[in-house]
């Protein structure tokens, strides 16, 4: 690998982390929607949507070169 950092690897890591966040967010949305967790449902629902949006954002953005 190069000493200054390789844009290919940075882009690959961003994509992998984005996919993992999308999967975690989707699973959390499913669990929150299907289980009775009371007042914490809104909190967990909000946090899972935030994870989903961050994951989608990481897949969409282009790294600077």
Protein backbone atom coordinates (compact mmCIF):
# COMPACT_ATOMS: atom_id res chain seq x y z
CA UNK A 1 0.00 0.00 0.00
CA UNK A 2 1.07 3.58 -0.50
CA UNK A 3 2.32 5.73 2.35
CA UNK A 4 -0.18 8.58 1.98
CA UNK A 5 -3.27 6.38 1.94
CA UNK A 6 -4.98 4.69 -0.93
CA UNK A 7 -8.33 6.14 -2.12
CA UNK A 8 -9.42 2.69 -3.29
CA UNK A 9 -9.16 1.19 0.20
CA UNK A 10 -10.78 4.22 1.84
CA UNK A 11 -13.67 3.98 -0.59
CA UNK A 12 -13.98 0.25 0.01
CA UNK A 13 -14.05 0.70 3.79
CA UNK A 14 -16.69 3.43 3.49
CA UNK A 15 -18.85 1.15 1.38
CA UNK A 16 -18.47 -1.80 3.77
CA UNK A 17 -19.27 0.32 6.82
CA UNK A 18 -22.26 1.81 4.97
CA UNK A 19 -23.63 -1.64 4.14
CA UNK A 20 -23.13 -2.82 7.73
CA UNK A 21 -24.94 0.27 9.08
CA UNK A 22 -27.82 -0.26 6.66
CA UNK A 23 -28.17 -3.88 7.77
CA UNK A 24 -28.03 -2.96 11.47
CA UNK A 25 -30.54 -0.13 10.97
CA UNK A 26 -32.95 -2.37 9.06
CA UNK A 27 -32.76 -5.09 11.71
CA UNK A 28 -33.34 -2.53 14.47
CA UNK A 29 -36.35 -1.10 12.63
CA UNK A 30 -37.80 -4.59 12.26
CA UNK A 31 -37.22 -5.47 15.92
CA UNK A 32 -38.63 -2.14 17.10
CA UNK A 33 -41.72 -2.49 14.93
CA UNK A 34 -42.50 -6.09 15.91
CA UNK A 35 -41.81 -6.13 19.66
CA UNK A 36 -43.69 -4.27 22.39
CA UNK A 37 -40.97 -2.21 24.07
CA UNK A 38 -43.18 0.54 25.40
CA UNK A 39 -42.02 4.14 25.58
CA UNK A 40 -38.59 3.35 24.23
CA UNK A 41 -40.06 2.44 20.83
CA UNK A 42 -39.77 6.00 19.54
CA UNK A 43 -36.17 6.32 20.74
CA UNK A 44 -35.05 3.04 19.19
CA UNK A 45 -37.03 3.76 16.04
CA UNK A 46 -35.36 7.15 15.70
CA UNK A 47 -31.88 5.70 16.31
CA UNK A 48 -32.43 2.94 13.77
CA UNK A 49 -33.58 5.43 11.13
CA UNK A 50 -30.49 7.55 11.82
CA UNK A 51 -28.24 4.49 11.33
CA UNK A 52 -30.04 3.70 8.10
CA UNK A 53 -29.62 7.24 6.78
CA UNK A 54 -25.91 7.34 7.72
CA UNK A 55 -25.37 4.01 5.95
CA UNK A 56 -27.10 5.24 2.80
CA UNK A 57 -25.09 8.46 2.97
CA UNK A 58 -21.83 6.49 3.14
CA UNK A 59 -22.83 4.53 0.04
CA UNK A 60 -23.79 7.62 -1.95
CA UNK A 61 -20.89 9.99 -1.27
CA UNK A 62 -17.77 9.99 -3.40
CA UNK A 63 -14.43 10.21 -1.58
CA UNK A 64 -12.12 13.08 -2.49
CA UNK A 65 -9.09 12.10 -4.53
